[in-house]
Amino acid sequence: MISAKEKQSRTALSIQVLPDGFCVFKPSLDDRIDRVFLGQQEDLLLWLSQQSPTDAAIKLIYSGPATLVPKELFSAADASDYLQFHIEDWAHTAFTELKNFGLFVIFAYNQKLETALKQAHNSIMVTHSAHELLKRALVSPNKENPRLVSIFHPKHIELVYHKGPNLLVYNQFATDGDLDASYYLQLALRASKQPESATDVICYENGSKWGAASFKHVKEWASDAQYITEVYPFH
């Protein structure tokens, strides 16, 4: 008989779509998360075909261009218009709903990739790192201090500034140096008009080139900031 833990390990397979490849998060029976980087779509499909069982459900996480739209302003028929100047020719538009917070996340996705995955896998859930980040951040306890939560992606930073369930700022910024992340985090603070000293700062590492060096600059103005490097936390 398959244990609950073993059953979960067979079904919880997350794939993050990166600008230059894929990162697969595969839970193991000893509660570790194995992280596998694959460069091309063909490499990903081959790797998946070698796994057992091959019918495990997949959570496909995009982390590219995205925007948030309040529910009262959202129209499914016009969803593609929100990103028309920010996506590649191959991309299509998808959206997810954060029902408890009245928000839609609109993002670019690769329809050909999903078609190829569906040929070998029974179930595919498509989401975006913004959805996963917001879903977890906004349900945190409504403490006195607001929180600035960021993810250092390979070529950009993604950040959420919130106080309990109230979202103050969400944005993505391209990064190309060790000062960039610190600059954009401070920019988010200024936009929110909240004092730096009253904000809890959390930085998640997700395979960025500048993460460790960037965090040293963050610590210069946020001495209690946390830098979490174990694994991208929203798989």
Protein backbone atom coordinates (compact mmCIF):
# COMPACT_ATOMS: atom_id res chain seq x y z
CA MET A 1 0.00 0.00 0.00
CA ILE A 2 1.33 3.45 -0.95
CA SER A 3 1.81 5.83 1.97
CA ALA A 4 0.42 9.37 1.87
CA LYS A 5 3.95 10.76 1.69
CA GLU A 6 4.92 8.51 -1.21
CA LYS A 7 1.70 9.36 -3.04
CA GLN A 8 2.45 13.06 -2.68
CA SER A 9 5.98 12.54 -4.03
CA ARG A 10 4.48 11.00 -7.16
CA THR A 11 2.07 13.83 -7.85
CA ALA A 12 3.83 17.00 -6.67
CA LEU A 13 6.11 17.78 -9.61
CA SER A 14 6.62 21.48 -10.26
CA ILE A 15 8.33 22.97 -13.30
CA GLN A 16 9.40 26.58 -13.34
CA VAL A 17 9.72 28.12 -16.81
CA LEU A 18 12.88 30.25 -16.90
CA PRO A 19 14.01 32.66 -19.63
CA ASP A 20 16.66 30.17 -20.77
CA GLY A 21 15.35 26.80 -19.66
CA PHE A 22 13.46 24.99 -16.92
CA CYS A 23 13.89 24.20 -13.24
CA VAL A 24 12.14 21.05 -12.00
CA PHE A 25 11.31 20.71 -8.30
CA LYS A 26 10.87 17.07 -7.35
CA PRO A 27 9.99 16.14 -3.74
CA SER A 28 11.73 13.05 -2.36
CA LEU A 29 10.66 10.63 0.35
CA ASP A 30 13.01 12.17 2.93
CA ASP A 31 11.33 15.61 2.65
CA ARG A 32 14.09 17.05 0.47
CA ILE A 33 13.38 18.92 -2.72
CA ASP A 34 15.53 17.79 -5.62
CA ARG A 35 16.19 20.61 -8.08
CA VAL A 36 17.00 19.78 -11.71
CA PHE A 37 17.95 22.41 -14.34
CA LEU A 38 17.24 21.63 -18.01
CA GLY A 39 18.16 23.89 -20.90
CA GLN A 40 15.82 23.01 -23.77
CA GLN A 41 12.24 21.84 -24.11
CA GLU A 42 13.50 18.59 -25.66
CA ASP A 43 15.68 18.02 -22.56
CA LEU A 44 12.67 18.54 -20.31
CA LEU A 45 10.45 16.13 -22.24
CA LEU A 46 13.19 13.49 -22.27
CA TRP A 47 13.78 13.85 -18.53
CA LEU A 48 10.06 13.56 -17.81
CA SER A 49 9.77 10.44 -19.96
CA GLN A 50 12.43 8.76 -17.80
CA GLN A 51 10.60 9.42 -14.54
CA SER A 52 8.29 6.96 -12.80
CA PRO A 53 5.37 7.21 -12.86
CA THR A 54 5.04 9.24 -16.06
CA ASP A 55 1.43 10.17 -15.31
CA ALA A 56 2.26 12.35 -12.30
CA ALA A 57 0.44 15.67 -12.17
CA ILE A 58 2.51 18.72 -13.12
CA LYS A 59 2.39 22.26 -11.80
CA LEU A 60 3.81 24.56 -14.47
CA ILE A 61 5.01 27.87 -13.00
CA TYR A 62 5.79 30.79 -15.30
CA SER A 63 7.87 33.69 -13.98
CA GLY A 64 8.04 36.04 -16.97
CA PRO A 65 5.99 39.19 -17.71
CA ALA A 66 2.82 39.49 -15.65
CA THR A 67 0.41 42.14 -14.47
CA LEU A 68 -2.31 42.37 -11.82
CA VAL A 69 -5.81 43.61 -12.58
CA PRO A 70 -8.55 44.26 -9.98
CA LYS A 71 -11.60 42.05 -10.42
CA GLU A 72 -13.92 44.98 -11.10
CA LEU A 73 -11.74 46.08 -14.05
CA PHE A 74 -10.99 42.65 -15.50
CA SER A 75 -12.40 41.35 -18.77
CA ALA A 76 -11.44 37.88 -19.99
CA ALA A 77 -12.08 38.93 -23.58
CA ASP A 78 -9.52 41.74 -23.26
CA ALA A 79 -6.91 39.85 -21.23
CA SER A 80 -4.39 39.73 -24.08
CA ASP A 81 -4.37 43.54 -24.32
CA TYR A 82 -2.77 43.95 -20.92
CA LEU A 83 0.53 42.37 -22.02
CA GLN A 84 0.57 43.02 -25.76
CA PHE A 85 3.79 45.08 -25.61
CA HIS A 86 5.62 42.78 -23.20
CA ILE A 87 5.47 39.26 -24.62
CA GLU A 88 7.28 37.39 -27.38
CA ASP A 89 5.68 36.33 -30.66
CA TRP A 90 5.41 32.69 -29.53
CA ALA A 91 3.57 33.53 -26.34
CA HIS A 92 -0.12 33.35 -25.53
CA THR A 93 -1.99 34.99 -22.66
CA ALA A 94 -3.37 33.19 -19.62
CA PHE A 95 -4.81 34.40 -16.34
CA THR A 96 -5.48 33.10 -12.84
CA GLU A 97 -7.75 34.52 -10.16
CA LEU A 98 -6.87 35.28 -6.56
CA LYS A 99 -10.47 35.02 -5.42
CA ASN A 100 -9.96 35.99 -1.80
CA PHE A 101 -8.22 39.23 -2.78
CA GLY A 102 -10.21 40.39 -5.81
CA LEU A 103 -7.27 40.17 -8.22
CA PHE A 104 -6.45 38.53 -11.54
CA VAL A 105 -2.87 37.66 -12.56
CA ILE A 106 -2.36 37.91 -16.33
CA PHE A 107 0.77 36.35 -17.80
CA ALA A 108 2.42 34.94 -20.93
CA TYR A 109 2.55 31.18 -21.46
CA ASN A 110 3.88 28.71 -24.01
CA GLN A 111 0.97 26.85 -25.59
CA LYS A 112 3.21 24.45 -27.54
CA LEU A 113 4.99 23.39 -24.36
CA GLU A 114 1.73 22.63 -22.60
CA THR A 115 0.44 20.65 -25.58
CA ALA A 116 3.60 18.51 -25.51
CA LEU A 117 3.30 17.94 -21.76
CA LYS A 118 -0.36 16.96 -21.96
CA GLN A 119 0.49 14.17 -24.37
CA ALA A 120 2.35 12.36 -21.60
CA HIS A 121 0.76 13.60 -18.38
CA ASN A 122 -2.78 13.37 -17.10
CA SER A 123 -3.01 16.64 -15.25
CA ILE A 124 -1.29 20.02 -15.73
CA MET A 125 -1.96 23.07 -13.61
CA VAL A 126 -0.70 26.36 -15.05
CA THR A 127 0.15 29.25 -12.77
CA HIS A 128 2.56 32.16 -12.39
CA SER A 129 5.10 32.92 -9.67
CA ALA A 130 3.19 36.17 -8.97
CA HIS A 131 0.07 34.15 -8.15
CA GLU A 132 2.00 31.77 -5.92
CA LEU A 133 3.84 34.59 -4.16
CA LEU A 134 0.73 36.69 -3.55
CA LYS A 135 -1.36 33.72 -2.48
CA ARG A 136 1.06 33.01 0.33
CA ALA A 137 2.13 36.53 1.27
CA LEU A 138 -1.34 38.01 1.62
CA VAL A 139 -2.57 35.31 4.00
CA SER A 140 0.24 36.01 6.47
CA PRO A 141 -0.79 37.38 9.89
CA ASN A 142 -1.69 41.06 9.85
CA LYS A 143 1.25 42.16 11.97
CA GLU A 144 2.06 45.72 12.89
CA ASN A 145 4.90 45.90 10.35
CA PRO A 146 4.35 45.62 6.59
CA ARG A 147 6.47 43.11 4.65
CA LEU A 148 8.55 43.47 1.52
CA VAL A 149 8.94 39.98 0.02
CA SER A 150 11.13 39.48 -3.05
CA ILE A 151 12.34 36.65 -5.25
CA PHE A 152 15.74 36.92 -6.93
CA HIS A 153 15.08 35.20 -10.27
CA PRO A 154 17.95 34.52 -12.72
CA LYS A 155 17.45 37.74 -14.71
CA HIS A 156 14.92 39.77 -12.76
CA ILE A 157 13.55 40.49 -9.32
CA GLU A 158 9.92 40.02 -8.38
CA LEU A 159 8.57 41.79 -5.30
CA VAL A 160 5.44 42.16 -3.20
CA TYR A 161 4.96 44.85 -0.59
CA HIS A 162 1.99 44.21 1.69
CA LYS A 163 0.55 44.59 5.16
CA GLY A 164 -1.45 41.51 6.04
CA PRO A 165 -4.01 40.98 3.25
CA ASN A 166 -3.57 44.50 1.88
CA LEU A 167 -1.35 44.67 -1.21
CA LEU A 168 0.61 47.90 -1.50
CA VAL A 169 3.01 47.19 -4.40
CA TYR A 170 3.68 44.36 -6.88
CA ASN A 171 6.26 44.63 -9.64
CA GLN A 172 9.05 42.95 -11.61
CA PHE A 173 12.36 44.57 -12.57
CA ALA A 174 15.17 43.33 -14.81
CA THR A 175 18.50 43.02 -12.99
CA ASP A 176 22.01 43.20 -14.41
CA GLY A 177 24.24 43.94 -11.47
CA ASP A 178 24.61 43.57 -7.71
CA LEU A 179 23.10 46.99 -6.92
CA ASP A 180 19.89 46.49 -8.89
CA ALA A 181 17.85 44.43 -6.43
CA SER A 182 18.60 46.75 -3.51
CA TYR A 183 17.69 49.78 -5.61
CA TYR A 184 14.34 48.35 -6.71
CA LEU A 185 13.42 47.19 -3.21
CA GLN A 186 14.02 50.70 -1.92
CA LEU A 187 12.03 52.06 -4.86
CA ALA A 188 9.07 49.93 -3.78
CA LEU A 189 9.39 51.29 -0.25
CA ARG A 190 9.35 54.87 -1.49
CA ALA A 191 6.31 54.17 -3.67
CA SER A 192 4.45 52.78 -0.66
CA LYS A 193 5.44 55.81 1.48
CA GLN A 194 6.33 53.53 4.37
CA PRO A 195 9.50 54.02 6.49
CA GLU A 196 12.27 51.50 5.88
CA SER A 197 12.72 50.86 9.59
CA ALA A 198 9.08 49.69 9.93
CA THR A 199 9.27 47.04 7.22
CA ASP A 200 10.20 43.37 7.40
CA VAL A 201 12.33 42.49 4.36
CA ILE A 202 12.52 38.91 3.05
CA CYS A 203 14.59 37.91 -0.01
CA TYR A 204 14.25 34.46 -1.59
CA GLU A 205 17.06 33.19 -3.79
CA ASN A 206 15.97 31.52 -7.03
CA GLY A 207 19.14 30.94 -9.02
CA SER A 208 20.07 34.57 -9.62
CA LYS A 209 23.57 35.63 -10.64
CA TRP A 210 23.71 38.58 -8.25
CA GLY A 211 21.71 37.32 -5.26
CA ALA A 212 24.35 37.06 -2.54
CA ALA A 213 26.09 40.29 -3.55
CA SER A 214 22.76 42.10 -3.87
CA PHE A 215 21.71 41.05 -0.40
CA LYS A 216 24.83 42.63 1.09
CA HIS A 217 23.56 45.98 -0.22
CA VAL A 218 20.07 45.29 1.15
CA LYS A 219 21.56 44.67 4.60
CA GLU A 220 23.06 48.16 4.54
CA TRP A 221 19.59 49.70 4.92
CA ALA A 222 17.62 46.72 6.30
CA SER A 223 19.84 45.13 8.94
CA ASP A 224 17.21 42.55 9.96
CA ALA A 225 16.48 41.41 6.40
CA GLN A 226 16.31 37.65 5.76
CA TYR A 227 18.01 35.93 2.83
CA ILE A 228 16.51 32.48 2.23
CA THR A 229 18.56 30.28 -0.07
CA GLU A 230 17.40 26.68 0.49
CA VAL A 231 15.06 26.40 -2.48
CA TYR A 232 12.59 28.52 -4.41
CA PRO A 233 9.76 28.41 -1.87
CA PHE A 234 6.63 28.48 -4.00
CA HIS A 235 6.82 25.16 -5.80
